Structure formats: C-alpha cells, structure tokens
Amino acid sequence: MKTTILFDLDGTLLDSTEAILLCFEDSYKDFGLQSPEHNKIKSLIGHPLDYMYEHLGVEKEKIWDFVDQYKFHYRQRSKTMTHFLPDAKEAIIEASKFARLGVVTTKTGTYSRELLEHMGVMEYFEVLIGREDVINPKPHPEPILKALYQMDIHYKENIWMIGDTCLDMVSAKDAGLKSVGVTCGYGADEQLQKCTEIIQNDTKSAVSYIKKIIKL
C-alpha cells in the first residue's frame, strides 16, 4: 500500500495571512463597519468563512453577504499576497517521491486550485477538497473521507494528515488516519498537544518524519 499524505493549506503549506486580514477588513468596509482586531481574526483562521464571521459577531442573516464580499476581494489578492511557508514547496516535492498527495482545506476549493496552479504545485496533488465540496467541513471527517473516495483509496493504513490546527487533527482521527501537527501555522503548540501525539516544527519536518516512520 503506497503512502498517502493529505495536506491542509493555510498555515501548513501557505502563508495567506496578509491577504486574509485585508480581505476581512475590506468586507467590513463594504458594509460601513469597523473590522475586528487582527488577533481576533487570526485566532479563527482554519475555520470556514461563515464560522469566522459568525464568531466575529456578524448577524446570521448577513453572514453570507460578508462571505461573498470576502471572496470577491480574495480572488483579486490571493495570487500576489500568498507565499509558501519556508521549505513548504520542497516538502511537497519530497513527499511526491514516495506518497500520493491530496489537499483538504476549509478554503474555497475553486480559488485554492487556481492559487496552487499559479504557484506551480497543483500537479503534485491528485485531489483537492474545499469548503464547497462537503456539507460538513473540518473538524468533521467528511472532507478527508471524500478525498480518499476520490483517490479510490479503500484502506486506512499508511495514510497521514498534516495540518497546523486541531481541526485537521480531529478530522484525521475521526476518519481513522494518523496525523502530524505542525507549529508553523495558526495553532498553538499547547493546543496541538491535546489533539495529536506527533508535532513537528514545519511541514518539511513532518514529511521527513513520515518518511522515517515508513522506513524509506
């Protein structure tokens, strides 16, 4: 059974912080409102946009209007304001040498594909599951199980999830997979310790750990 590795995006492979914060600011400006403090927004990154706006205090009947405005601004900014985290591209290339790869994210899948194509790495991934592809986003196991289904994988051995928050770790656990948490993103180390036994500093280290475990 060939190894399979599923990656989260923001905080795991990509640094989208600047684009995310500016798009939140602009979405609030579009409705004549003051944007929340950056730390409040950053504490929610990893969750779907509707969850983020709800927990930032937007009225429920207006949440999807804010989401639409965010997406409008994000599509314009994402390609110029998103960067690989240190050694993340190298991690993808190294992982592709011994594993099948996929992406499971709470970001919009359409924009994520465009972004990864722009950054020259989409070719390494067999599947990308985004927010619009599932009913229940992470931490529910549905996104991971859908990724495995689309990859025609019907076993759980040698399958790993790499992510930076407990959303990723819980999703993996409930899907029956192993996980590696990375501290290069938005999840605090003490939080990750509560939801996974394996923590590495960055995604390249996580890939190296998996490679060592499977004894390649």
C-alpha atoms as a PDB file:
ATOM      1  CA  MET A   1       0.000   0.000   0.000  1.00  0.00           C
ATOM      2  CA  LYS A   2       1.567   3.264  -1.108  1.00  0.00           C
ATOM      3  CA  THR A   3       1.722   6.028   1.474  1.00  0.00           C
ATOM      4  CA  THR A   4      -0.862   8.808   1.143  1.00  0.00           C
ATOM      5  CA  ILE A   5      -0.412  12.284   2.615  1.00  0.00           C
ATOM      6  CA  LEU A   6      -3.171  14.863   2.837  1.00  0.00           C
ATOM      7  CA  PHE A   7      -2.202  18.475   3.483  1.00  0.00           C
ATOM      8  CA  ASP A   8      -4.035  21.426   4.921  1.00  0.00           C
ATOM      9  CA  LEU A   9      -3.266  24.733   3.154  1.00  0.00           C
ATOM     10  CA  ASP A  10      -3.145  27.909   5.264  1.00  0.00           C
ATOM     11  CA  GLY A  11      -0.532  27.639   7.988  1.00  0.00           C
ATOM     12  CA  THR A  12       0.652  24.277   6.682  1.00  0.00           C
ATOM     13  CA  LEU A  13       1.819  24.948   3.132  1.00  0.00           C
ATOM     14  CA  LEU A  14       0.884  28.580   2.561  1.00  0.00           C
ATOM     15  CA  ASP A  15       1.123  31.910   4.326  1.00  0.00           C
ATOM     16  CA  SER A  16      -2.046  33.768   3.345  1.00  0.00           C
ATOM     17  CA  THR A  17      -2.242  35.920   6.463  1.00  0.00           C
ATOM     18  CA  GLU A  18      -1.832  39.304   4.782  1.00  0.00           C
ATOM     19  CA  ALA A  19      -4.455  38.561   2.138  1.00  0.00           C
ATOM     20  CA  ILE A  20      -6.896  37.128   4.677  1.00  0.00           C
ATOM     21  CA  LEU A  21      -6.669  40.105   7.028  1.00  0.00           C
ATOM     22  CA  LEU A  22      -7.021  42.672   4.256  1.00  0.00           C
ATOM     23  CA  CYS A  23      -9.997  40.858   2.748  1.00  0.00           C
ATOM     24  CA  PHE A  24     -11.722  40.784   6.122  1.00  0.00           C
ATOM     25  CA  GLU A  25     -11.046  44.493   6.529  1.00  0.00           C
ATOM     26  CA  ASP A  26     -12.474  45.251   3.089  1.00  0.00           C
ATOM     27  CA  SER A  27     -15.558  43.111   3.621  1.00  0.00           C
ATOM     28  CA  TYR A  28     -16.389  45.094   6.749  1.00  0.00           C
ATOM     29  CA  LYS A  29     -15.693  48.402   4.966  1.00  0.00           C
ATOM     30  CA  ASP A  30     -18.077  47.360   2.200  1.00  0.00           C
ATOM     31  CA  PHE A  31     -20.849  47.359   4.807  1.00  0.00           C
ATOM     32  CA  GLY A  32     -19.667  50.517   6.535  1.00  0.00           C
ATOM     33  CA  LEU A  33     -18.355  48.701   9.596  1.00  0.00           C
ATOM     34  CA  GLN A  34     -15.102  48.621  11.545  1.00  0.00           C
ATOM     35  CA  SER A  35     -13.129  45.408  11.087  1.00  0.00           C
ATOM     36  CA  PRO A  36     -12.308  43.354  14.212  1.00  0.00           C
ATOM     37  CA  GLU A  37      -8.769  43.338  15.565  1.00  0.00           C
ATOM     38  CA  HIS A  38      -6.310  41.239  13.591  1.00  0.00           C
ATOM     39  CA  ASN A  39      -5.636  38.913  16.517  1.00  0.00           C
ATOM     40  CA  LYS A  40      -9.324  38.010  16.712  1.00  0.00           C
ATOM     41  CA  ILE A  41      -9.397  37.176  13.016  1.00  0.00           C
ATOM     42  CA  LYS A  42      -6.157  35.197  13.150  1.00  0.00           C
ATOM     43  CA  SER A  43      -7.441  33.124  16.069  1.00  0.00           C
ATOM     44  CA  LEU A  44     -10.206  31.803  13.803  1.00  0.00           C
ATOM     45  CA  ILE A  45      -8.173  31.082  10.673  1.00  0.00           C
ATOM     46  CA  GLY A  46      -8.633  27.467   9.692  1.00  0.00           C
ATOM     47  CA  HIS A  47     -12.378  27.552  10.193  1.00  0.00           C
ATOM     48  CA  PRO A  48     -14.753  28.144   7.260  1.00  0.00           C
ATOM     49  CA  LEU A  49     -15.527  31.782   6.474  1.00  0.00           C
ATOM     50  CA  ASP A  50     -19.135  31.566   7.643  1.00  0.00           C
ATOM     51  CA  TYR A  51     -17.954  30.226  11.016  1.00  0.00           C
ATOM     52  CA  MET A  52     -15.384  33.013  11.271  1.00  0.00           C
ATOM     53  CA  TYR A  53     -17.863  35.788  10.565  1.00  0.00           C
ATOM     54  CA  GLU A  54     -20.403  34.307  12.953  1.00  0.00           C
ATOM     55  CA  HIS A  55     -17.853  34.171  15.755  1.00  0.00           C
ATOM     56  CA  LEU A  56     -16.720  37.706  14.949  1.00  0.00           C
ATOM     57  CA  GLY A  57     -20.247  38.866  15.700  1.00  0.00           C
ATOM     58  CA  VAL A  58     -21.835  39.294  12.269  1.00  0.00           C
ATOM     59  CA  GLU A  59     -25.602  38.841  12.344  1.00  0.00           C
ATOM     60  CA  LYS A  60     -26.589  35.435  10.994  1.00  0.00           C
ATOM     61  CA  GLU A  61     -28.776  36.786   8.202  1.00  0.00           C
ATOM     62  CA  LYS A  62     -25.835  38.856   6.899  1.00  0.00           C
ATOM     63  CA  ILE A  63     -23.039  36.256   7.164  1.00  0.00           C
ATOM     64  CA  TRP A  64     -23.192  35.011   3.580  1.00  0.00           C
ATOM     65  CA  ASP A  65     -23.205  38.601   2.271  1.00  0.00           C
ATOM     66  CA  PHE A  66     -19.918  39.126   4.122  1.00  0.00           C
ATOM     67  CA  VAL A  67     -18.572  35.819   2.782  1.00  0.00           C
ATOM     68  CA  ASP A  68     -19.383  36.865  -0.784  1.00  0.00           C
ATOM     69  CA  GLN A  69     -17.589  40.187  -0.352  1.00  0.00           C
ATOM     70  CA  TYR A  70     -14.582  38.454   1.186  1.00  0.00           C
ATOM     71  CA  LYS A  71     -14.361  36.063  -1.769  1.00  0.00           C
ATOM     72  CA  PHE A  72     -14.600  38.952  -4.225  1.00  0.00           C
ATOM     73  CA  HIS A  73     -11.598  40.648  -2.641  1.00  0.00           C
ATOM     74  CA  TYR A  74      -9.670  37.426  -2.016  1.00  0.00           C
ATOM     75  CA  ARG A  75      -9.782  36.340  -5.627  1.00  0.00           C
ATOM     76  CA  GLN A  76      -8.174  39.633  -6.604  1.00  0.00           C
ATOM     77  CA  ARG A  77      -5.450  39.460  -3.957  1.00  0.00           C
ATOM     78  CA  SER A  78      -4.648  35.813  -3.330  1.00  0.00           C
ATOM     79  CA  LYS A  79      -2.103  35.227  -6.090  1.00  0.00           C
ATOM     80  CA  THR A  80       0.035  38.251  -5.278  1.00  0.00           C
ATOM     81  CA  MET A  81      -0.261  38.116  -1.500  1.00  0.00           C
ATOM     82  CA  THR A  82       0.131  34.401  -0.774  1.00  0.00           C
ATOM     83  CA  HIS A  83       3.508  32.749  -0.298  1.00  0.00           C
ATOM     84  CA  PHE A  84       4.875  29.336   0.535  1.00  0.00           C
ATOM     85  CA  LEU A  85       5.850  28.833   4.134  1.00  0.00           C
ATOM     86  CA  PRO A  86       9.594  28.114   4.500  1.00  0.00           C
ATOM     87  CA  ASP A  87      10.537  24.807   2.818  1.00  0.00           C
ATOM     88  CA  ALA A  88       6.881  24.007   2.092  1.00  0.00           C
ATOM     89  CA  LYS A  89       7.373  23.653  -1.672  1.00  0.00           C
ATOM     90  CA  GLU A  90      10.346  21.386  -1.031  1.00  0.00           C
ATOM     91  CA  ALA A  91       8.162  19.349   1.322  1.00  0.00           C
ATOM     92  CA  ILE A  92       5.573  18.827  -1.412  1.00  0.00           C
ATOM     93  CA  ILE A  93       8.184  17.731  -3.924  1.00  0.00           C
ATOM     94  CA  GLU A  94       9.848  15.371  -1.455  1.00  0.00           C
ATOM     95  CA  ALA A  95       6.529  13.856  -0.388  1.00  0.00           C
ATOM     96  CA  SER A  96       5.545  13.267  -4.008  1.00  0.00           C
ATOM     97  CA  LYS A  97       8.546  10.956  -4.410  1.00  0.00           C
ATOM     98  CA  PHE A  98       7.116   8.341  -2.048  1.00  0.00           C
ATOM     99  CA  ALA A  99       3.432   9.187  -1.487  1.00  0.00           C
ATOM    100  CA  ARG A 100       0.173  10.026  -3.190  1.00  0.00           C
ATOM    101  CA  LEU A 101      -0.821  13.567  -2.271  1.00  0.00           C
ATOM    102  CA  GLY A 102      -4.040  15.474  -1.687  1.00  0.00           C
ATOM    103  CA  VAL A 103      -5.244  18.746  -0.180  1.00  0.00           C
ATOM    104  CA  VAL A 104      -8.082  19.063   2.329  1.00  0.00           C
ATOM    105  CA  THR A 105      -8.929  22.650   3.190  1.00  0.00           C
ATOM    106  CA  THR A 106     -11.738  24.811   4.522  1.00  0.00           C
ATOM    107  CA  LYS A 107     -10.848  27.425   1.879  1.00  0.00           C
ATOM    108  CA  THR A 108     -12.917  27.657  -1.271  1.00  0.00           C
ATOM    109  CA  GLY A 109     -11.741  24.828  -3.486  1.00  0.00           C
ATOM    110  CA  THR A 110     -12.038  26.730  -6.775  1.00  0.00           C
ATOM    111  CA  TYR A 111      -9.782  29.555  -5.589  1.00  0.00           C
ATOM    112  CA  SER A 112      -7.392  27.126  -3.928  1.00  0.00           C
ATOM    113  CA  ARG A 113      -6.870  25.223  -7.172  1.00  0.00           C
ATOM    114  CA  GLU A 114      -6.254  28.451  -9.068  1.00  0.00           C
ATOM    115  CA  LEU A 115      -3.766  29.526  -6.414  1.00  0.00           C
ATOM    116  CA  LEU A 116      -1.845  26.240  -6.374  1.00  0.00           C
ATOM    117  CA  GLU A 117      -1.743  26.204 -10.173  1.00  0.00           C
ATOM    118  CA  HIS A 118      -0.372  29.747 -10.112  1.00  0.00           C
ATOM    119  CA  MET A 119       2.267  28.659  -7.592  1.00  0.00           C
ATOM    120  CA  GLY A 120       3.241  25.688  -9.763  1.00  0.00           C
ATOM    121  CA  VAL A 121       2.392  22.807  -7.434  1.00  0.00           C
ATOM    122  CA  MET A 122      -1.160  21.690  -8.240  1.00  0.00           C
ATOM    123  CA  GLU A 123       0.267  18.966 -10.472  1.00  0.00           C
ATOM    124  CA  TYR A 124       1.573  17.143  -7.399  1.00  0.00           C
ATOM    125  CA  PHE A 125      -1.911  16.672  -5.919  1.00  0.00           C
ATOM    126  CA  GLU A 126      -4.419  14.090  -7.074  1.00  0.00           C
ATOM    127  CA  VAL A 127      -7.343  15.737  -5.329  1.00  0.00           C
ATOM    128  CA  LEU A 128      -8.300  18.978  -3.614  1.00  0.00           C
ATOM    129  CA  ILE A 129     -11.326  19.101  -1.339  1.00  0.00           C
ATOM    130  CA  GLY A 130     -12.546  22.598  -0.478  1.00  0.00           C
ATOM    131  CA  ARG A 131     -15.387  24.074   1.536  1.00  0.00           C
ATOM    132  CA  GLU A 132     -17.937  23.836  -1.269  1.00  0.00           C
ATOM    133  CA  ASP A 133     -17.216  20.135  -1.807  1.00  0.00           C
ATOM    134  CA  VAL A 134     -18.670  18.978   1.516  1.00  0.00           C
ATOM    135  CA  ILE A 135     -21.628  19.546   3.791  1.00  0.00           C
ATOM    136  CA  ASN A 136     -19.560  19.239   6.966  1.00  0.00           C
ATOM    137  CA  PRO A 137     -16.102  20.895   6.947  1.00  0.00           C
ATOM    138  CA  LYS A 138     -13.212  20.006   9.251  1.00  0.00           C
ATOM    139  CA  PRO A 139     -13.163  19.018  12.120  1.00  0.00           C
ATOM    140  CA  HIS A 140     -15.784  16.631  10.705  1.00  0.00           C
ATOM    141  CA  PRO A 141     -14.157  13.660   8.907  1.00  0.00           C
ATOM    142  CA  GLU A 142     -16.245  14.174   5.741  1.00  0.00           C
ATOM    143  CA  PRO A 143     -13.607  16.189   3.797  1.00  0.00           C
ATOM    144  CA  ILE A 144     -10.911  13.589   4.409  1.00  0.00           C
ATOM    145  CA  LEU A 145     -13.192  10.671   3.609  1.00  0.00           C
ATOM    146  CA  LYS A 146     -14.278  12.395   0.393  1.00  0.00           C
ATOM    147  CA  ALA A 147     -10.640  12.936  -0.602  1.00  0.00           C
ATOM    148  CA  LEU A 148      -9.891   9.242  -0.073  1.00  0.00           C
ATOM    149  CA  TYR A 149     -13.015   8.277  -2.016  1.00  0.00           C
ATOM    150  CA  GLN A 150     -11.979  10.422  -4.961  1.00  0.00           C
ATOM    151  CA  MET A 151      -8.493   8.904  -4.821  1.00  0.00           C
ATOM    152  CA  ASP A 152     -10.113   5.437  -4.848  1.00  0.00           C
ATOM    153  CA  ILE A 153      -8.439   4.521  -1.566  1.00  0.00           C
ATOM    154  CA  HIS A 154     -10.370   1.979   0.481  1.00  0.00           C
ATOM    155  CA  TYR A 155      -7.884   1.297   3.267  1.00  0.00           C
ATOM    156  CA  LYS A 156      -6.680   3.384   6.203  1.00  0.00           C
ATOM    157  CA  GLU A 157      -3.124   2.139   6.650  1.00  0.00           C
ATOM    158  CA  ASN A 158      -0.242   4.419   5.700  1.00  0.00           C
ATOM    159  CA  ILE A 159      -2.454   7.486   5.324  1.00  0.00           C
ATOM    160  CA  TRP A 160      -1.462  10.714   7.063  1.00  0.00           C
ATOM    161  CA  MET A 161      -2.880  14.189   7.542  1.00  0.00           C
ATOM    162  CA  ILE A 162      -0.510  17.130   8.027  1.00  0.00           C
ATOM    163  CA  GLY A 163      -2.035  20.311   9.425  1.00  0.00           C
ATOM    164  CA  ASP A 164      -1.488  23.214  11.781  1.00  0.00           C
ATOM    165  CA  THR A 165      -4.666  23.154  13.877  1.00  0.00           C
ATOM    166  CA  CYS A 166      -6.754  20.732  15.887  1.00  0.00           C
ATOM    167  CA  LEU A 167      -9.372  20.975  13.136  1.00  0.00           C
ATOM    168  CA  ASP A 168      -7.019  18.915  10.983  1.00  0.00           C
ATOM    169  CA  MET A 169      -6.026  16.525  13.733  1.00  0.00           C
ATOM    170  CA  VAL A 170      -9.577  15.766  14.889  1.00  0.00           C
ATOM    171  CA  SER A 171     -10.776  15.315  11.312  1.00  0.00           C
ATOM    172  CA  ALA A 172      -7.973  12.831  10.691  1.00  0.00           C
ATOM    173  CA  LYS A 173      -8.571  10.915  13.912  1.00  0.00           C
ATOM    174  CA  ASP A 174     -12.296  10.587  13.284  1.00  0.00           C
ATOM    175  CA  ALA A 175     -11.557   9.417   9.732  1.00  0.00           C
ATOM    176  CA  GLY A 176      -9.243   6.736  11.112  1.00  0.00           C
ATOM    177  CA  LEU A 177      -5.980   8.298   9.923  1.00  0.00           C
ATOM    178  CA  LYS A 178      -2.694   9.225  11.529  1.00  0.00           C
ATOM    179  CA  SER A 179      -1.807  12.900  11.836  1.00  0.00           C
ATOM    180  CA  VAL A 180       1.173  15.180  12.253  1.00  0.00           C
ATOM    181  CA  GLY A 181       0.668  18.650  13.670  1.00  0.00           C
ATOM    182  CA  VAL A 182       2.959  21.488  12.611  1.00  0.00           C
ATOM    183  CA  THR A 183       3.682  24.624  14.617  1.00  0.00           C
ATOM    184  CA  CYS A 184       4.463  26.869  11.638  1.00  0.00           C
ATOM    185  CA  GLY A 185       0.838  27.990  11.304  1.00  0.00           C
ATOM    186  CA  TYR A 186      -2.070  29.241  13.361  1.00  0.00           C
ATOM    187  CA  GLY A 187      -2.478  26.541  16.001  1.00  0.00           C
ATOM    188  CA  ALA A 188      -0.689  26.978  19.311  1.00  0.00           C
ATOM    189  CA  ASP A 189       1.668  24.205  20.401  1.00  0.00           C
ATOM    190  CA  GLU A 190      -0.270  23.592  23.612  1.00  0.00           C
ATOM    191  CA  GLN A 191      -3.478  23.163  21.609  1.00  0.00           C
ATOM    192  CA  LEU A 192      -1.897  20.723  19.181  1.00  0.00           C
ATOM    193  CA  GLN A 193      -0.594  18.641  22.077  1.00  0.00           C
ATOM    194  CA  LYS A 194      -4.204  17.998  23.089  1.00  0.00           C
ATOM    195  CA  CYS A 195      -5.202  16.549  19.720  1.00  0.00           C
ATOM    196  CA  THR A 196      -2.167  14.740  18.306  1.00  0.00           C
ATOM    197  CA  GLU A 197       0.808  12.846  19.656  1.00  0.00           C
ATOM    198  CA  ILE A 198       3.109  13.892  16.823  1.00  0.00           C
ATOM    199  CA  ILE A 199       4.188  17.517  16.398  1.00  0.00           C
ATOM    200  CA  GLN A 200       6.881  18.910  14.118  1.00  0.00           C
ATOM    201  CA  ASN A 201       8.176  22.432  13.559  1.00  0.00           C
ATOM    202  CA  ASP A 202       7.176  22.651   9.904  1.00  0.00           C
ATOM    203  CA  THR A 203       5.777  20.656   7.016  1.00  0.00           C
ATOM    204  CA  LYS A 204       9.140  19.590   5.642  1.00  0.00           C
ATOM    205  CA  SER A 205       9.992  18.101   9.050  1.00  0.00           C
ATOM    206  CA  ALA A 206       6.583  16.402   9.101  1.00  0.00           C
ATOM    207  CA  VAL A 207       7.231  14.809   5.703  1.00  0.00           C
ATOM    208  CA  SER A 208      10.679  13.661   6.869  1.00  0.00           C
ATOM    209  CA  TYR A 209       9.104  12.156   9.986  1.00  0.00           C
ATOM    210  CA  ILE A 210       6.590  10.184   7.920  1.00  0.00           C
ATOM    211  CA  LYS A 211       9.333   9.024   5.566  1.00  0.00           C
ATOM    212  CA  LYS A 212      11.352   7.791   8.548  1.00  0.00           C
ATOM    213  CA  ILE A 213       8.361   6.005  10.107  1.00  0.00           C
ATOM    214  CA  ILE A 214       7.602   4.076   6.926  1.00  0.00           C
ATOM    215  CA  LYS A 215      11.332   3.270   6.715  1.00  0.00           C
ATOM    216  CA  LEU A 216      12.177   4.598   3.283  1.00  0.00           C
END
